[in-house]
Amino acid sequence: MLLNNHDGDRARRFRDAALPHLDALYTVACYITRSPADAEDAVQECYLRAFRHFDGLRGTDMKPWLMAILRNVCRAEFARRSNVVIMEPQSDGVDHGVPLWQEEQESPEGGIVRRQNAETVRALLKALPEQFREVVVFRDIEELSYREIAQAVDAPIGTVMSRLARGRGMLRAAWRRLENAGANNARVHVVERPI
């Protein structure tokens, strides 16, 4: 099938605008789906839907638009497979949150503690209820603005700010419980307090 010049230009514009967000979308999808394979599928479906509707995008806010599509894809898939047991993502053994170079060499003990802390934070984050987990991931991991998060989750900015504060509070409380228990291998359990 041959593409005409307009279709080729559209595909190029979409690629240039959307592909820089691929890693961020995959990270968010891993937190939402809790499965690397499902995350890959969700991101692929997100890009397919985004390409189909690319001409309908108003403005230049590509990242929050893609995040909103990804969120809807994940929710639709969860609803379709409501009886599916969600698996934890498998680690590839690489800590992607740390730069490849550092100015000071870390001690082996420090590296172990840092990795354990990072794993604990990821587990605590995954244990949050979805509405809080997604805004914490969007803000604290993907560094979206409140406006971009509100656009992605289709909620007022005040709701985003409230969910973010509550989500961070639940994370902080869960972290303190782990510290007080003195057990890095304790079962992760996040408790939502009634308002």
Protein backbone atom coordinates (compact mmCIF):
# COMPACT_ATOMS: atom_id res chain seq x y z
CA MET A 1 0.00 0.00 0.00
CA LEU A 2 1.44 3.35 -1.02
CA LEU A 3 1.04 6.37 1.20
CA ASN A 4 0.30 9.68 -0.43
CA ASN A 5 2.35 12.72 0.56
CA HIS A 6 -0.27 13.92 3.10
CA ASP A 7 -0.36 10.53 4.88
CA GLY A 8 3.44 10.39 5.01
CA ASP A 9 3.59 13.90 6.45
CA ARG A 10 0.91 13.03 9.02
CA ALA A 11 2.82 9.89 10.07
CA ARG A 12 6.05 11.87 10.39
CA ARG A 13 4.37 14.60 12.47
CA PHE A 14 2.81 11.96 14.74
CA ARG A 15 6.12 10.12 15.14
CA ASP A 16 7.97 13.35 15.97
CA ALA A 17 5.35 14.43 18.50
CA ALA A 18 4.49 11.08 20.13
CA LEU A 19 7.61 8.93 20.22
CA PRO A 20 9.53 11.11 22.70
CA HIS A 21 6.92 10.06 25.29
CA LEU A 22 7.25 6.30 24.73
CA ASP A 23 9.38 5.57 27.82
CA ALA A 24 7.17 7.69 30.07
CA LEU A 25 4.04 5.93 28.81
CA TYR A 26 5.60 2.52 29.37
CA THR A 27 6.59 3.47 32.94
CA VAL A 28 3.08 4.63 33.74
CA ALA A 29 1.58 1.54 32.08
CA CYS A 30 3.77 -0.71 34.24
CA TYR A 31 2.44 0.99 37.36
CA ILE A 32 -1.16 0.81 36.18
CA THR A 33 -1.16 -2.75 34.84
CA ARG A 34 1.51 -4.15 37.17
CA SER A 35 2.73 -6.33 34.29
CA PRO A 36 5.47 -5.56 31.73
CA ALA A 37 3.73 -7.59 28.99
CA ASP A 38 0.38 -5.89 29.61
CA ALA A 39 2.15 -2.53 29.76
CA GLU A 40 3.68 -3.13 26.33
CA ASP A 41 0.28 -4.09 24.92
CA ALA A 42 -1.38 -1.06 26.50
CA VAL A 43 1.23 1.35 25.13
CA GLN A 44 0.92 -0.17 21.67
CA GLU A 45 -2.87 0.16 21.75
CA CYS A 46 -2.48 3.71 23.06
CA TYR A 47 -0.27 4.67 20.12
CA LEU A 48 -2.65 3.04 17.63
CA ARG A 49 -5.62 4.95 19.03
CA ALA A 50 -3.63 8.18 19.21
CA PHE A 51 -2.54 7.85 15.59
CA ARG A 52 -6.13 7.21 14.47
CA HIS A 53 -7.29 10.37 16.23
CA PHE A 54 -4.18 12.49 15.77
CA ASP A 55 -5.93 14.99 13.52
CA GLY A 56 -8.43 15.67 16.33
CA LEU A 57 -5.75 16.76 18.81
CA ARG A 58 -6.22 20.40 19.75
CA GLY A 59 -3.16 22.31 20.89
CA THR A 60 0.31 20.95 21.51
CA ASP A 61 -0.19 19.04 24.77
CA MET A 62 0.73 15.63 23.39
CA LYS A 63 1.97 14.01 26.62
CA PRO A 64 -1.18 14.50 28.75
CA TRP A 65 -3.33 13.50 25.76
CA LEU A 66 -1.34 10.27 25.37
CA MET A 67 -1.50 9.65 29.15
CA ALA A 68 -5.29 10.02 29.05
CA ILE A 69 -5.55 7.55 26.16
CA LEU A 70 -3.23 5.11 27.98
CA ARG A 71 -5.28 5.39 31.17
CA ASN A 72 -8.48 4.66 29.23
CA VAL A 73 -6.88 1.71 27.43
CA CYS A 74 -5.74 0.21 30.74
CA ARG A 75 -9.12 0.72 32.39
CA ALA A 76 -10.97 -0.80 29.44
CA GLU A 77 -8.70 -3.83 29.47
CA PHE A 78 -9.10 -4.30 33.23
CA ALA A 79 -12.87 -4.11 32.85
CA ARG A 80 -12.76 -6.66 30.03
CA ARG A 81 -10.55 -9.04 32.02
CA SER A 82 -12.05 -8.40 35.43
CA ASN A 83 -11.29 -11.94 36.59
CA VAL A 84 -7.60 -11.85 35.59
CA VAL A 85 -5.02 -12.07 38.37
CA ILE A 86 -2.49 -9.27 38.04
CA MET A 87 1.16 -10.28 38.22
CA GLU A 88 3.94 -8.10 39.58
CA PRO A 89 6.35 -6.79 36.91
CA GLN A 90 9.51 -8.83 36.56
CA SER A 91 12.67 -6.91 37.20
CA ASP A 92 15.35 -6.94 34.55
CA GLY A 93 17.89 -6.40 37.32
CA VAL A 94 18.69 -2.86 36.21
CA ASP A 95 17.70 0.14 38.31
CA HIS A 96 16.47 2.53 35.62
CA GLY A 97 15.99 5.39 38.07
CA VAL A 98 19.70 6.01 38.65
CA PRO A 99 22.01 7.75 36.17
CA LEU A 100 24.71 5.65 34.56
CA TRP A 101 27.40 7.83 36.12
CA GLN A 102 27.77 9.27 39.58
CA GLU A 103 30.31 11.67 40.97
CA GLU A 104 31.00 9.65 44.10
CA GLN A 105 31.41 5.92 44.24
CA GLU A 106 28.75 4.29 46.34
CA SER A 107 29.71 1.70 48.92
CA PRO A 108 28.37 -1.84 48.37
CA GLU A 109 26.30 -1.50 51.54
CA GLY A 110 24.91 1.84 50.40
CA GLY A 111 23.97 0.32 47.05
CA ILE A 112 22.11 -2.51 48.73
CA VAL A 113 20.20 -0.12 50.98
CA ARG A 114 19.36 2.18 48.05
CA ARG A 115 18.08 -0.73 45.95
CA GLN A 116 16.04 -2.08 48.85
CA ASN A 117 14.56 1.36 49.45
CA ALA A 118 13.73 1.80 45.76
CA GLU A 119 12.09 -1.63 45.64
CA THR A 120 10.12 -0.84 48.79
CA VAL A 121 8.91 2.49 47.39
CA ARG A 122 7.87 0.78 44.12
CA ALA A 123 5.98 -1.89 46.09
CA LEU A 124 4.29 0.72 48.29
CA LEU A 125 3.35 2.71 45.22
CA LYS A 126 1.89 -0.35 43.50
CA ALA A 127 -0.17 -1.07 46.61
CA LEU A 128 -1.90 2.32 46.48
CA PRO A 129 -5.48 2.41 45.21
CA GLU A 130 -5.49 3.24 41.50
CA GLN A 131 -6.90 6.77 41.73
CA PHE A 132 -4.07 7.80 44.06
CA ARG A 133 -1.34 5.71 42.39
CA GLU A 134 -1.91 7.24 38.96
CA VAL A 135 -1.66 10.87 40.12
CA VAL A 136 1.44 10.14 42.22
CA VAL A 137 3.10 8.44 39.23
CA PHE A 138 2.07 11.25 36.86
CA ARG A 139 3.39 13.96 39.20
CA ASP A 140 6.34 12.48 41.08
CA ILE A 141 7.71 10.08 38.48
CA GLU A 142 6.67 11.58 35.14
CA GLU A 143 6.72 15.18 36.45
CA LEU A 144 3.49 16.25 34.74
CA SER A 145 2.00 19.56 35.85
CA TYR A 146 -1.27 19.61 37.80
CA ARG A 147 -3.00 20.89 34.65
CA GLU A 148 -1.58 18.03 32.56
CA ILE A 149 -2.60 15.47 35.19
CA ALA A 150 -6.11 16.95 35.37
CA GLN A 151 -6.34 16.64 31.60
CA ALA A 152 -5.05 13.05 31.65
CA VAL A 153 -7.41 11.83 34.39
CA ASP A 154 -10.33 14.04 33.33
CA ALA A 155 -10.72 15.61 36.77
CA PRO A 156 -10.54 19.14 38.17
CA ILE A 157 -7.14 20.39 39.34
CA GLY A 158 -8.41 20.52 42.93
CA THR A 159 -9.28 16.83 42.77
CA VAL A 160 -5.83 16.07 41.39
CA MET A 161 -4.19 18.01 44.21
CA SER A 162 -6.36 16.26 46.80
CA ARG A 163 -5.62 12.80 45.39
CA LEU A 164 -1.92 13.61 45.24
CA ALA A 165 -1.85 14.77 48.87
CA ARG A 166 -3.79 11.71 50.03
CA GLY A 167 -1.67 9.34 47.94
CA ARG A 168 1.55 10.83 49.29
CA GLY A 169 0.12 10.63 52.80
CA MET A 170 -0.72 6.94 52.35
CA LEU A 171 2.80 6.29 51.04
CA ARG A 172 4.33 8.15 53.97
CA ALA A 173 2.20 6.24 56.49
CA ALA A 174 3.03 2.90 54.88
CA TRP A 175 6.75 3.77 54.87
CA ARG A 176 6.61 4.69 58.56
CA ARG A 177 4.87 1.41 59.38
CA LEU A 178 7.67 -0.46 57.63
CA GLU A 179 10.33 1.57 59.43
CA ASN A 180 8.65 1.00 62.78
CA ALA A 181 8.34 -2.70 62.08
CA GLY A 182 11.99 -2.74 61.09
CA ALA A 183 11.22 -5.25 58.38
CA ASN A 184 12.26 -4.59 54.80
CA ASN A 185 10.63 -7.85 53.79
CA ALA A 186 7.30 -7.08 55.47
CA ARG A 187 4.15 -7.51 53.45
CA VAL A 188 3.20 -4.21 51.81
CA HIS A 189 -0.22 -2.95 52.84
CA VAL A 190 -1.54 0.56 52.23
CA VAL A 191 -4.47 1.68 54.32
CA GLU A 192 -6.72 4.45 53.11
CA ARG A 193 -8.08 6.54 55.95
CA PRO A 194 -11.68 7.76 55.72
CA ILE A 195 -12.07 11.48 55.32
